[in-house]
Amino acid sequence: MKESQARRNLIARHSGEHLHDFAQILIGLHGRMECEFTRGSGQITTGTLAIAPDKEKHLFCGLSDDSELLVIDLAPFDPYIQALEQSCNLSFKDTILRNPEFITLGPAFLPMLEFAARQLIKSDQQNHQSRDQINCQLITLFITQLCQQYSATAIPDSKHHRLNITKLNSYIDLRLSNPPSNLELANALNLSESHFYYLCQKTLCQSPQQYMLSRRMHRARFLLQNSDVSQAVLAEDLGFADASSFSRAFKRYFSMTPGNARKLKP
């Protein structure tokens, strides 16, 4: 792929696995979609997005008939993207596109999504030059927003220098069946989302979603080895779409299947 592009993608209830040599930003337009990365999983709904770095394998599964994404494909050597990097004074690959992550967009962002969806419909009816202009317009809009959010994480909040891990763990454990977003976790700790993300990286050396996956996986292993609950029930209780999704995540995390873990009962 030589040029970056913005496009709509109707997932519906389809599922599959992707691996690209370019990064993607996956933004929820309608419905719900499950997305799994090597180091975490989450749902993309209206007003949330997922960062898929280049060469990062990810599985997707549409959870409703109207599941639709706004996808931004970022070509590695696109001169336009390089110009944006210079404008934002950031290397995207080393910052906003470095790790898989799920991000909740603020309410002010929703009108931008509606605008983008309308523009993409309009671009299908116009000539190549007009489509290129709309493409640049939308990519600039969303990349700039992500750059602003990333930059905010680099500015510590002087009022909150420490992460309350006890409170964080308690909130996560109460929501294992319905894993919270970064914004919900931040609100529970009375922090801004950007500063909460900063504190997680600084204190835990992990993103919030990676840390939450760790809590879910260790809870899964405990239940496998100390109860007879089925994998299907475990998957539901721990917020996975189905037993297969749970099994894949467990194997990636512990390098063994849930069945083999169960055989290691203490």
C-alpha atoms as a PDB file:
ATOM      1  CA  MET A   1       0.000   0.000   0.000  1.00  0.00           C
ATOM      2  CA  LYS A   2       1.560   3.289  -1.142  1.00  0.00           C
ATOM      3  CA  GLU A   3      -1.021   5.807   0.094  1.00  0.00           C
ATOM      4  CA  SER A   4      -2.862   6.057   3.397  1.00  0.00           C
ATOM      5  CA  GLN A   5      -6.634   5.944   3.218  1.00  0.00           C
ATOM      6  CA  ALA A   6      -9.778   6.331   5.294  1.00  0.00           C
ATOM      7  CA  ARG A   7     -12.671   3.983   4.561  1.00  0.00           C
ATOM      8  CA  ARG A   8     -15.839   2.477   5.985  1.00  0.00           C
ATOM      9  CA  ASN A   9     -15.903  -1.266   6.656  1.00  0.00           C
ATOM     10  CA  LEU A  10     -19.146  -3.098   7.408  1.00  0.00           C
ATOM     11  CA  ILE A  11     -18.103  -6.034   9.603  1.00  0.00           C
ATOM     12  CA  ALA A  12     -21.660  -7.183  10.513  1.00  0.00           C
ATOM     13  CA  ARG A  13     -21.228 -10.618  12.153  1.00  0.00           C
ATOM     14  CA  HIS A  14     -18.184 -11.655  10.152  1.00  0.00           C
ATOM     15  CA  SER A  15     -14.991 -12.761  11.878  1.00  0.00           C
ATOM     16  CA  GLY A  16     -11.416 -13.371  10.818  1.00  0.00           C
ATOM     17  CA  GLU A  17      -7.736 -12.706  11.384  1.00  0.00           C
ATOM     18  CA  HIS A  18      -5.616  -9.885   9.956  1.00  0.00           C
ATOM     19  CA  LEU A  19      -1.898  -9.152   9.797  1.00  0.00           C
ATOM     20  CA  HIS A  20      -0.696  -6.047   7.916  1.00  0.00           C
ATOM     21  CA  ASP A  21       2.663  -4.451   7.178  1.00  0.00           C
ATOM     22  CA  PHE A  22       1.016  -1.099   7.924  1.00  0.00           C
ATOM     23  CA  ALA A  23      -0.674   0.335  11.013  1.00  0.00           C
ATOM     24  CA  GLN A  24      -4.422   0.805  11.319  1.00  0.00           C
ATOM     25  CA  ILE A  25      -6.766   2.898  13.428  1.00  0.00           C
ATOM     26  CA  LEU A  26     -10.103   1.115  13.888  1.00  0.00           C
ATOM     27  CA  ILE A  27     -12.913   3.452  14.967  1.00  0.00           C
ATOM     28  CA  GLY A  28     -16.393   2.267  15.912  1.00  0.00           C
ATOM     29  CA  LEU A  29     -19.215   3.766  13.839  1.00  0.00           C
ATOM     30  CA  HIS A  30     -22.119   1.438  14.633  1.00  0.00           C
ATOM     31  CA  GLY A  31     -22.750  -1.761  16.562  1.00  0.00           C
ATOM     32  CA  ARG A  32     -20.132  -3.747  18.471  1.00  0.00           C
ATOM     33  CA  MET A  33     -17.014  -5.663  17.471  1.00  0.00           C
ATOM     34  CA  GLU A  34     -14.603  -7.812  19.487  1.00  0.00           C
ATOM     35  CA  CYS A  35     -10.916  -7.309  18.673  1.00  0.00           C
ATOM     36  CA  GLU A  36      -8.102  -9.489  20.023  1.00  0.00           C
ATOM     37  CA  PHE A  37      -4.405  -8.641  19.985  1.00  0.00           C
ATOM     38  CA  THR A  38      -1.507 -10.723  21.259  1.00  0.00           C
ATOM     39  CA  ARG A  39      -1.372  -8.649  24.451  1.00  0.00           C
ATOM     40  CA  GLY A  40      -5.032  -7.875  25.074  1.00  0.00           C
ATOM     41  CA  SER A  41      -8.559  -7.773  23.778  1.00  0.00           C
ATOM     42  CA  GLY A  42     -11.531  -5.450  23.925  1.00  0.00           C
ATOM     43  CA  GLN A  43     -14.670  -4.251  22.212  1.00  0.00           C
ATOM     44  CA  ILE A  44     -14.975  -1.465  19.689  1.00  0.00           C
ATOM     45  CA  THR A  45     -18.280   0.392  19.851  1.00  0.00           C
ATOM     46  CA  THR A  46     -19.471   3.806  18.704  1.00  0.00           C
ATOM     47  CA  GLY A  47     -17.005   6.356  20.026  1.00  0.00           C
ATOM     48  CA  THR A  48     -14.162   3.944  20.826  1.00  0.00           C
ATOM     49  CA  LEU A  49     -11.132   3.024  18.755  1.00  0.00           C
ATOM     50  CA  ALA A  50      -8.373   0.444  18.629  1.00  0.00           C
ATOM     51  CA  ILE A  51      -4.780   0.993  17.551  1.00  0.00           C
ATOM     52  CA  ALA A  52      -3.406  -1.882  15.450  1.00  0.00           C
ATOM     53  CA  PRO A  53       0.368  -1.385  14.970  1.00  0.00           C
ATOM     54  CA  ASP A  54       2.066  -2.726  11.859  1.00  0.00           C
ATOM     55  CA  LYS A  55       2.780  -6.478  11.910  1.00  0.00           C
ATOM     56  CA  GLU A  56       0.436  -6.897  14.899  1.00  0.00           C
ATOM     57  CA  LYS A  57      -1.801  -9.922  14.359  1.00  0.00           C
ATOM     58  CA  HIS A  58      -5.387  -9.253  15.400  1.00  0.00           C
ATOM     59  CA  LEU A  59      -8.602 -11.237  15.339  1.00  0.00           C
ATOM     60  CA  PHE A  60     -11.971  -9.595  14.874  1.00  0.00           C
ATOM     61  CA  CYS A  61     -15.561 -10.676  15.350  1.00  0.00           C
ATOM     62  CA  GLY A  62     -18.664  -8.602  14.657  1.00  0.00           C
ATOM     63  CA  LEU A  63     -21.160  -8.873  17.521  1.00  0.00           C
ATOM     64  CA  SER A  64     -24.167  -7.224  15.837  1.00  0.00           C
ATOM     65  CA  ASP A  65     -25.680  -7.012  12.369  1.00  0.00           C
ATOM     66  CA  ASP A  66     -24.818  -3.319  12.032  1.00  0.00           C
ATOM     67  CA  SER A  67     -21.174  -3.563  13.205  1.00  0.00           C
ATOM     68  CA  GLU A  68     -19.314  -0.992  11.118  1.00  0.00           C
ATOM     69  CA  LEU A  69     -15.891   0.617  11.425  1.00  0.00           C
ATOM     70  CA  LEU A  70     -14.194   3.693  10.114  1.00  0.00           C
ATOM     71  CA  VAL A  71     -10.760   2.326   9.219  1.00  0.00           C
ATOM     72  CA  ILE A  72      -7.658   4.431   8.659  1.00  0.00           C
ATOM     73  CA  ASP A  73      -4.863   2.520   6.891  1.00  0.00           C
ATOM     74  CA  LEU A  74      -1.510   4.251   7.385  1.00  0.00           C
ATOM     75  CA  ALA A  75       1.034   3.562   4.656  1.00  0.00           C
ATOM     76  CA  PRO A  76       4.590   3.298   6.110  1.00  0.00           C
ATOM     77  CA  PHE A  77       6.311   5.725   3.753  1.00  0.00           C
ATOM     78  CA  ASP A  78       3.453   7.997   2.799  1.00  0.00           C
ATOM     79  CA  PRO A  79       4.938  11.525   2.361  1.00  0.00           C
ATOM     80  CA  TYR A  80       1.689  12.982   3.683  1.00  0.00           C
ATOM     81  CA  ILE A  81       1.989  10.996   6.948  1.00  0.00           C
ATOM     82  CA  GLN A  82       5.633  12.030   7.244  1.00  0.00           C
ATOM     83  CA  ALA A  83       4.554  15.664   6.900  1.00  0.00           C
ATOM     84  CA  LEU A  84       1.989  15.134   9.667  1.00  0.00           C
ATOM     85  CA  GLU A  85       4.706  13.675  11.900  1.00  0.00           C
ATOM     86  CA  GLN A  86       6.813  16.770  11.392  1.00  0.00           C
ATOM     87  CA  SER A  87       3.820  18.992  12.121  1.00  0.00           C
ATOM     88  CA  CYS A  88       3.014  17.098  15.356  1.00  0.00           C
ATOM     89  CA  ASN A  89       6.733  16.708  16.216  1.00  0.00           C
ATOM     90  CA  LEU A  90       6.192  12.986  16.861  1.00  0.00           C
ATOM     91  CA  SER A  91       7.323   9.714  15.358  1.00  0.00           C
ATOM     92  CA  PHE A  92       3.953   7.933  15.097  1.00  0.00           C
ATOM     93  CA  LYS A  93       5.541   4.468  15.042  1.00  0.00           C
ATOM     94  CA  ASP A  94       7.345   5.192  18.330  1.00  0.00           C
ATOM     95  CA  THR A  95       4.415   6.892  20.059  1.00  0.00           C
ATOM     96  CA  ILE A  96       0.723   6.649  19.182  1.00  0.00           C
ATOM     97  CA  LEU A  97       1.173   3.570  16.963  1.00  0.00           C
ATOM     98  CA  ARG A  98       3.673   1.726  19.146  1.00  0.00           C
ATOM     99  CA  ASN A  99       1.329  -0.573  21.103  1.00  0.00           C
ATOM    100  CA  PRO A 100      -2.125  -2.100  20.592  1.00  0.00           C
ATOM    101  CA  GLU A 101      -4.584  -0.069  22.634  1.00  0.00           C
ATOM    102  CA  PHE A 102      -8.288   0.616  23.073  1.00  0.00           C
ATOM    103  CA  ILE A 103      -9.208   4.262  23.590  1.00  0.00           C
ATOM    104  CA  THR A 104     -12.515   5.870  24.530  1.00  0.00           C
ATOM    105  CA  LEU A 105     -13.187   9.052  22.614  1.00  0.00           C
ATOM    106  CA  GLY A 106     -14.776  12.026  24.351  1.00  0.00           C
ATOM    107  CA  PRO A 107     -18.349  13.170  23.585  1.00  0.00           C
ATOM    108  CA  ALA A 108     -16.991  16.084  21.561  1.00  0.00           C
ATOM    109  CA  PHE A 109     -15.476  13.549  19.178  1.00  0.00           C
ATOM    110  CA  LEU A 110     -18.810  11.969  18.139  1.00  0.00           C
ATOM    111  CA  PRO A 111     -19.843  14.776  15.734  1.00  0.00           C
ATOM    112  CA  MET A 112     -16.480  14.261  14.018  1.00  0.00           C
ATOM    113  CA  LEU A 113     -17.376  10.610  13.447  1.00  0.00           C
ATOM    114  CA  GLU A 114     -20.695  11.561  11.896  1.00  0.00           C
ATOM    115  CA  PHE A 115     -18.940  14.118   9.719  1.00  0.00           C
ATOM    116  CA  ALA A 116     -16.355  11.538   8.618  1.00  0.00           C
ATOM    117  CA  ALA A 117     -19.039   8.968   7.757  1.00  0.00           C
ATOM    118  CA  ARG A 118     -20.901  11.499   5.592  1.00  0.00           C
ATOM    119  CA  GLN A 119     -17.699  12.591   3.872  1.00  0.00           C
ATOM    120  CA  LEU A 120     -16.785   9.012   2.982  1.00  0.00           C
ATOM    121  CA  ILE A 121     -20.206   8.449   1.432  1.00  0.00           C
ATOM    122  CA  LYS A 122     -19.754  11.652  -0.544  1.00  0.00           C
ATOM    123  CA  SER A 123     -16.278  10.608  -1.705  1.00  0.00           C
ATOM    124  CA  ASP A 124     -17.702   7.501  -3.404  1.00  0.00           C
ATOM    125  CA  GLN A 125     -19.664   9.785  -5.695  1.00  0.00           C
ATOM    126  CA  GLN A 126     -16.791  12.114  -6.642  1.00  0.00           C
ATOM    127  CA  ASN A 127     -13.709  12.044  -8.843  1.00  0.00           C
ATOM    128  CA  HIS A 128     -10.268  10.834  -7.792  1.00  0.00           C
ATOM    129  CA  GLN A 129      -8.954  14.284  -6.865  1.00  0.00           C
ATOM    130  CA  SER A 130     -11.937  15.036  -4.626  1.00  0.00           C
ATOM    131  CA  ARG A 131     -11.618  11.644  -2.950  1.00  0.00           C
ATOM    132  CA  ASP A 132      -7.945  12.334  -2.229  1.00  0.00           C
ATOM    133  CA  GLN A 133      -8.833  15.675  -0.640  1.00  0.00           C
ATOM    134  CA  ILE A 134     -11.465  14.079   1.619  1.00  0.00           C
ATOM    135  CA  ASN A 135      -9.014  11.318   2.500  1.00  0.00           C
ATOM    136  CA  CYS A 136      -6.353  13.824   3.615  1.00  0.00           C
ATOM    137  CA  GLN A 137      -8.936  15.818   5.525  1.00  0.00           C
ATOM    138  CA  LEU A 138     -10.140  12.833   7.574  1.00  0.00           C
ATOM    139  CA  ILE A 139      -6.692  11.399   8.248  1.00  0.00           C
ATOM    140  CA  THR A 140      -5.513  14.796   9.492  1.00  0.00           C
ATOM    141  CA  LEU A 141      -8.578  15.095  11.731  1.00  0.00           C
ATOM    142  CA  PHE A 142      -8.119  11.789  13.535  1.00  0.00           C
ATOM    143  CA  ILE A 143      -4.317  11.707  13.672  1.00  0.00           C
ATOM    144  CA  THR A 144      -4.266  15.206  15.172  1.00  0.00           C
ATOM    145  CA  GLN A 145      -6.718  14.149  17.874  1.00  0.00           C
ATOM    146  CA  LEU A 146      -4.590  11.111  18.778  1.00  0.00           C
ATOM    147  CA  CYS A 147      -1.439  13.253  18.876  1.00  0.00           C
ATOM    148  CA  GLN A 148      -3.110  15.674  21.271  1.00  0.00           C
ATOM    149  CA  GLN A 149      -4.174  12.797  23.523  1.00  0.00           C
ATOM    150  CA  TYR A 150      -0.685  11.269  23.473  1.00  0.00           C
ATOM    151  CA  SER A 151       0.952  14.603  24.258  1.00  0.00           C
ATOM    152  CA  ALA A 152      -1.336  15.004  27.271  1.00  0.00           C
ATOM    153  CA  THR A 153      -0.004  11.748  28.764  1.00  0.00           C
ATOM    154  CA  ALA A 154       3.490  13.209  28.864  1.00  0.00           C
ATOM    155  CA  ILE A 155       2.401  16.003  31.237  1.00  0.00           C
ATOM    156  CA  PRO A 156       1.996  14.617  34.770  1.00  0.00           C
ATOM    157  CA  ASP A 157      -0.834  15.896  36.921  1.00  0.00           C
ATOM    158  CA  SER A 158       0.854  17.415  39.957  1.00  0.00           C
ATOM    159  CA  LYS A 159      -2.106  16.488  42.169  1.00  0.00           C
ATOM    160  CA  HIS A 160      -1.807  12.725  41.522  1.00  0.00           C
ATOM    161  CA  HIS A 161       1.695  11.234  41.327  1.00  0.00           C
ATOM    162  CA  ARG A 162       0.792   7.705  42.428  1.00  0.00           C
ATOM    163  CA  LEU A 163      -1.541   5.050  41.133  1.00  0.00           C
ATOM    164  CA  ASN A 164      -3.921   3.579  43.710  1.00  0.00           C
ATOM    165  CA  ILE A 165      -3.358  -0.047  42.714  1.00  0.00           C
ATOM    166  CA  THR A 166      -5.603  -1.465  45.463  1.00  0.00           C
ATOM    167  CA  LYS A 167      -8.548   0.601  44.267  1.00  0.00           C
ATOM    168  CA  LEU A 168      -7.731  -0.199  40.636  1.00  0.00           C
ATOM    169  CA  ASN A 169      -7.653  -3.948  41.322  1.00  0.00           C
ATOM    170  CA  SER A 170     -10.935  -3.822  43.220  1.00  0.00           C
ATOM    171  CA  TYR A 171     -12.700  -2.029  40.387  1.00  0.00           C
ATOM    172  CA  ILE A 172     -11.311  -4.390  37.735  1.00  0.00           C
ATOM    173  CA  ASP A 173     -12.275  -7.470  39.761  1.00  0.00           C
ATOM    174  CA  LEU A 174     -15.845  -6.217  40.113  1.00  0.00           C
ATOM    175  CA  ARG A 175     -16.072  -5.821  36.342  1.00  0.00           C
ATOM    176  CA  LEU A 176     -14.407  -9.008  35.097  1.00  0.00           C
ATOM    177  CA  SER A 177     -17.515 -10.064  33.170  1.00  0.00           C
ATOM    178  CA  ASN A 178     -17.796  -6.639  31.531  1.00  0.00           C
ATOM    179  CA  PRO A 179     -14.248  -5.238  31.299  1.00  0.00           C
ATOM    180  CA  PRO A 180     -14.234  -1.450  31.696  1.00  0.00           C
ATOM    181  CA  SER A 181     -12.704   0.998  29.239  1.00  0.00           C
ATOM    182  CA  ASN A 182      -9.708   3.171  30.069  1.00  0.00           C
ATOM    183  CA  LEU A 183     -12.087   6.076  30.642  1.00  0.00           C
ATOM    184  CA  GLU A 184     -14.191   4.107  33.139  1.00  0.00           C
ATOM    185  CA  LEU A 185     -11.077   3.021  35.026  1.00  0.00           C
ATOM    186  CA  ALA A 186      -9.777   6.586  35.077  1.00  0.00           C
ATOM    187  CA  ASN A 187     -13.106   7.898  36.366  1.00  0.00           C
ATOM    188  CA  ALA A 188     -13.108   5.276  39.141  1.00  0.00           C
ATOM    189  CA  LEU A 189      -9.732   6.611  40.293  1.00  0.00           C
ATOM    190  CA  ASN A 190     -10.713  10.282  39.819  1.00  0.00           C
ATOM    191  CA  LEU A 191      -8.058  10.809  37.146  1.00  0.00           C
ATOM    192  CA  SER A 192      -8.121  12.093  33.607  1.00  0.00           C
ATOM    193  CA  GLU A 193      -7.889   9.278  31.067  1.00  0.00           C
ATOM    194  CA  SER A 194      -4.594  10.563  29.685  1.00  0.00           C
ATOM    195  CA  HIS A 195      -2.953  10.859  33.118  1.00  0.00           C
ATOM    196  CA  PHE A 196      -4.299   7.459  34.187  1.00  0.00           C
ATOM    197  CA  TYR A 197      -2.681   5.926  31.096  1.00  0.00           C
ATOM    198  CA  TYR A 198       0.577   7.723  31.936  1.00  0.00           C
ATOM    199  CA  LEU A 199       0.546   6.405  35.523  1.00  0.00           C
ATOM    200  CA  CYS A 200      -0.117   2.829  34.370  1.00  0.00           C
ATOM    201  CA  GLN A 201       2.825   2.930  32.000  1.00  0.00           C
ATOM    202  CA  LYS A 202       5.049   4.518  34.652  1.00  0.00           C
ATOM    203  CA  THR A 203       3.974   2.354  37.624  1.00  0.00           C
ATOM    204  CA  LEU A 204       3.026  -0.979  36.035  1.00  0.00           C
ATOM    205  CA  CYS A 205       5.100  -0.812  32.812  1.00  0.00           C
ATOM    206  CA  GLN A 206       1.894  -1.842  31.030  1.00  0.00           C
ATOM    207  CA  SER A 207      -1.049  -0.188  29.383  1.00  0.00           C
ATOM    208  CA  PRO A 208      -4.337  -0.311  31.351  1.00  0.00           C
ATOM    209  CA  GLN A 209      -5.753  -2.943  28.987  1.00  0.00           C
ATOM    210  CA  GLN A 210      -2.676  -5.148  29.311  1.00  0.00           C
ATOM    211  CA  TYR A 211      -2.865  -4.942  33.099  1.00  0.00           C
ATOM    212  CA  MET A 212      -6.575  -5.739  33.087  1.00  0.00           C
ATOM    213  CA  LEU A 213      -5.970  -8.761  30.845  1.00  0.00           C
ATOM    214  CA  SER A 214      -3.398  -9.980  33.373  1.00  0.00           C
ATOM    215  CA  ARG A 215      -5.998  -9.802  36.170  1.00  0.00           C
ATOM    216  CA  ARG A 216      -8.525 -11.702  34.043  1.00  0.00           C
ATOM    217  CA  MET A 217      -6.043 -14.395  33.019  1.00  0.00           C
ATOM    218  CA  HIS A 218      -4.809 -15.052  36.549  1.00  0.00           C
ATOM    219  CA  ARG A 219      -8.402 -15.248  37.766  1.00  0.00           C
ATOM    220  CA  ALA A 220      -9.121 -17.730  34.967  1.00  0.00           C
ATOM    221  CA  ARG A 221      -6.181 -19.923  35.957  1.00  0.00           C
ATOM    222  CA  PHE A 222      -7.249 -19.864  39.613  1.00  0.00           C
ATOM    223  CA  LEU A 223     -10.792 -20.946  38.734  1.00  0.00           C
ATOM    224  CA  LEU A 224      -9.582 -23.647  36.344  1.00  0.00           C
ATOM    225  CA  GLN A 225      -7.412 -25.160  39.055  1.00  0.00           C
ATOM    226  CA  ASN A 226      -9.779 -24.701  41.989  1.00  0.00           C
ATOM    227  CA  SER A 227     -13.241 -25.381  40.548  1.00  0.00           C
ATOM    228  CA  ASP A 228     -15.054 -27.462  37.955  1.00  0.00           C
ATOM    229  CA  VAL A 229     -16.644 -24.525  36.155  1.00  0.00           C
ATOM    230  CA  SER A 230     -16.749 -25.072  32.376  1.00  0.00           C
ATOM    231  CA  GLN A 231     -14.692 -23.033  29.919  1.00  0.00           C
ATOM    232  CA  ALA A 232     -17.882 -21.654  28.370  1.00  0.00           C
ATOM    233  CA  VAL A 233     -19.033 -20.302  31.734  1.00  0.00           C
ATOM    234  CA  LEU A 234     -15.538 -19.001  32.465  1.00  0.00           C
ATOM    235  CA  ALA A 235     -15.485 -17.159  29.153  1.00  0.00           C
ATOM    236  CA  GLU A 236     -18.782 -15.434  29.943  1.00  0.00           C
ATOM    237  CA  ASP A 237     -17.778 -14.611  33.519  1.00  0.00           C
ATOM    238  CA  LEU A 238     -14.493 -13.074  32.354  1.00  0.00           C
ATOM    239  CA  GLY A 239     -15.924 -10.976  29.529  1.00  0.00           C
ATOM    240  CA  PHE A 240     -14.897 -12.999  26.462  1.00  0.00           C
ATOM    241  CA  ALA A 241     -17.140 -13.333  23.423  1.00  0.00           C
ATOM    242  CA  ASP A 242     -17.086 -17.140  23.587  1.00  0.00           C
ATOM    243  CA  ALA A 243     -15.062 -20.141  24.784  1.00  0.00           C
ATOM    244  CA  SER A 244     -12.831 -20.049  21.692  1.00  0.00           C
ATOM    245  CA  SER A 245     -11.832 -16.433  22.307  1.00  0.00           C
ATOM    246  CA  PHE A 246     -11.097 -17.255  25.938  1.00  0.00           C
ATOM    247  CA  SER A 247      -9.029 -20.310  25.007  1.00  0.00           C
ATOM    248  CA  ARG A 248      -6.928 -18.373  22.479  1.00  0.00           C
ATOM    249  CA  ALA A 249      -6.266 -15.544  24.931  1.00  0.00           C
ATOM    250  CA  PHE A 250      -5.362 -17.984  27.717  1.00  0.00           C
ATOM    251  CA  LYS A 251      -2.958 -19.919  25.482  1.00  0.00           C
ATOM    252  CA  ARG A 252      -1.269 -16.729  24.299  1.00  0.00           C
ATOM    253  CA  TYR A 253      -0.835 -15.517  27.860  1.00  0.00           C
ATOM    254  CA  PHE A 254       0.304 -18.737  29.611  1.00  0.00           C
ATOM    255  CA  SER A 255       1.608 -20.744  26.616  1.00  0.00           C
ATOM    256  CA  MET A 256      -0.743 -23.576  27.523  1.00  0.00           C
ATOM    257  CA  THR A 257      -4.388 -24.402  26.891  1.00  0.00           C
ATOM    258  CA  PRO A 258      -7.028 -24.005  29.626  1.00  0.00           C
ATOM    259  CA  GLY A 259      -7.422 -27.793  29.564  1.00  0.00           C
ATOM    260  CA  ASN A 260      -3.740 -28.349  30.327  1.00  0.00           C
ATOM    261  CA  ALA A 261      -3.867 -25.711  33.052  1.00  0.00           C
ATOM    262  CA  ARG A 262      -6.766 -27.559  34.658  1.00  0.00           C
ATOM    263  CA  LYS A 263      -4.686 -30.748  34.818  1.00  0.00           C
ATOM    264  CA  LEU A 264      -2.178 -28.885  36.984  1.00  0.00           C
ATOM    265  CA  LYS A 265      -4.591 -28.585  39.900  1.00  0.00           C
ATOM    266  CA  PRO A 266      -2.743 -28.114  43.199  1.00  0.00           C
END
